């Protein structure tokens, strides 16, 4: 409770407007982790910066992974045995092989 109370006190002391997520919701779990790890007070801002950087990178990688999986699914739809598994043009209709136009 002491960590949460301290962060809330700092948040209210600085007045509004306040970014509750940035200045409280993100700091609280990292502050608890710092406390559990026994990090010196002077090192905690550095640790929090590192943790936030890793979080942003991880989020970007997860987003990239989902986009690549969707792209691979699209490509798989255009592969066919009559082309030896080669990627088809988006203008080839998979069932008949006839060209079509997207509207």
Protein backbone atom coordinates (compact mmCIF):
# COMPACT_ATOMS: atom_id res chain seq x y z
CA UNK A 1 0.00 0.00 0.00
CA UNK A 2 2.85 2.39 0.72
CA UNK A 3 4.05 2.37 -2.90
CA UNK A 4 0.53 2.96 -4.24
CA UNK A 5 -0.07 5.74 -1.72
CA UNK A 6 3.24 7.41 -2.56
CA UNK A 7 2.51 7.35 -6.32
CA UNK A 8 -1.02 8.65 -5.75
CA UNK A 9 0.34 11.43 -3.55
CA UNK A 10 2.83 12.47 -6.27
CA UNK A 11 0.08 12.35 -8.88
CA UNK A 12 -2.26 14.59 -6.88
CA UNK A 13 0.53 16.95 -5.80
CA UNK A 14 1.36 17.74 -9.43
CA UNK A 15 -2.27 18.64 -10.14
CA UNK A 16 -4.29 18.21 -13.26
CA UNK A 17 -4.36 17.32 -15.97
CA UNK A 18 -2.74 14.04 -15.08
CA UNK A 19 -2.03 11.03 -17.25
CA UNK A 20 -3.22 8.32 -14.89
CA UNK A 21 -1.91 5.48 -17.06
CA UNK A 22 1.57 6.92 -17.59
CA UNK A 23 2.11 8.32 -14.11
CA UNK A 24 0.36 5.68 -12.00
CA UNK A 25 -0.79 2.48 -13.73
CA UNK A 26 2.56 1.87 -15.45
CA UNK A 27 4.70 2.97 -12.51
CA UNK A 28 2.94 0.95 -9.81
CA UNK A 29 3.83 -2.57 -10.99
CA UNK A 30 7.37 -1.52 -11.93
CA UNK A 31 7.81 0.13 -8.54
CA UNK A 32 6.69 -3.07 -6.82
CA UNK A 33 9.12 -5.11 -8.95
CA UNK A 34 11.94 -2.73 -8.04
CA UNK A 35 11.06 -3.12 -4.39
CA UNK A 36 10.94 -6.92 -4.63
CA UNK A 37 14.31 -6.96 -6.41
CA UNK A 38 15.78 -4.67 -3.77
CA UNK A 39 17.01 -2.13 -6.31
CA UNK A 40 18.53 1.05 -4.85
CA UNK A 41 16.25 4.08 -5.15
CA UNK A 42 18.80 5.81 -7.40
CA UNK A 43 18.67 2.93 -9.93
CA UNK A 44 14.89 2.61 -10.16
CA UNK A 45 14.29 5.27 -12.83
CA UNK A 46 16.91 3.58 -15.04
CA UNK A 47 15.24 0.18 -14.52
CA UNK A 48 11.81 1.64 -15.33
CA UNK A 49 13.15 3.21 -18.53
CA UNK A 50 14.62 -0.13 -19.60
CA UNK A 51 11.40 -1.98 -18.76
CA UNK A 52 9.28 0.51 -20.73
CA UNK A 53 11.63 0.22 -23.72
CA UNK A 54 11.41 -3.58 -23.67
CA UNK A 55 7.63 -3.34 -23.41
CA UNK A 56 7.41 -1.09 -26.48
CA UNK A 57 9.74 -3.33 -28.48
CA UNK A 58 7.86 -6.46 -27.45
CA UNK A 59 4.55 -4.86 -28.40
CA UNK A 60 5.95 -3.93 -31.82
CA UNK A 61 7.28 -7.44 -32.36
CA UNK A 62 3.94 -9.00 -31.44
CA UNK A 63 2.17 -6.64 -33.84
CA UNK A 64 4.67 -7.48 -36.58
CA UNK A 65 4.19 -11.20 -35.94
CA UNK A 66 0.40 -10.92 -36.32
CA UNK A 67 0.75 -8.95 -39.57
CA UNK A 68 3.18 -11.53 -40.98
CA UNK A 69 0.85 -14.40 -40.04
CA UNK A 70 -2.05 -12.66 -41.80
CA UNK A 71 0.14 -12.07 -44.86
CA UNK A 72 1.23 -15.72 -44.91
CA UNK A 73 -2.43 -16.73 -44.77
CA UNK A 74 -3.17 -14.50 -47.76
CA UNK A 75 -0.27 -15.95 -49.71
CA UNK A 76 -1.32 -19.51 -48.86
CA UNK A 77 -4.73 -18.82 -50.42
CA UNK A 78 -3.04 -18.06 -53.73
CA UNK A 79 -0.79 -21.12 -53.85
CA UNK A 80 -1.95 -24.08 -55.85
CA UNK A 81 -0.78 -27.48 -57.05
CA UNK A 82 -1.13 -26.53 -60.73
CA UNK A 83 1.64 -23.97 -60.21
CA UNK A 84 3.85 -26.22 -58.13
CA UNK A 85 3.03 -24.24 -55.01
CA UNK A 86 4.23 -20.99 -56.57
CA UNK A 87 2.56 -17.79 -55.51
CA UNK A 88 -0.29 -16.83 -57.83
CA UNK A 89 -1.10 -13.37 -58.97
CA UNK A 90 -3.98 -11.70 -57.19
CA UNK A 91 -5.63 -11.53 -60.61
CA UNK A 92 -5.80 -15.32 -60.93
CA UNK A 93 -8.96 -16.90 -59.69
CA UNK A 94 -7.91 -20.01 -57.70
CA UNK A 95 -10.82 -22.25 -58.72
CA UNK A 96 -10.78 -21.67 -62.50
CA UNK A 97 -7.48 -19.98 -63.20
CA UNK A 98 -9.37 -17.21 -65.07
CA UNK A 99 -8.43 -13.61 -64.49
CA UNK A 100 -10.81 -11.41 -62.53
CA UNK A 101 -10.80 -7.84 -61.40
CA UNK A 102 -11.24 -6.76 -57.80
CA UNK A 103 -13.85 -4.06 -57.33
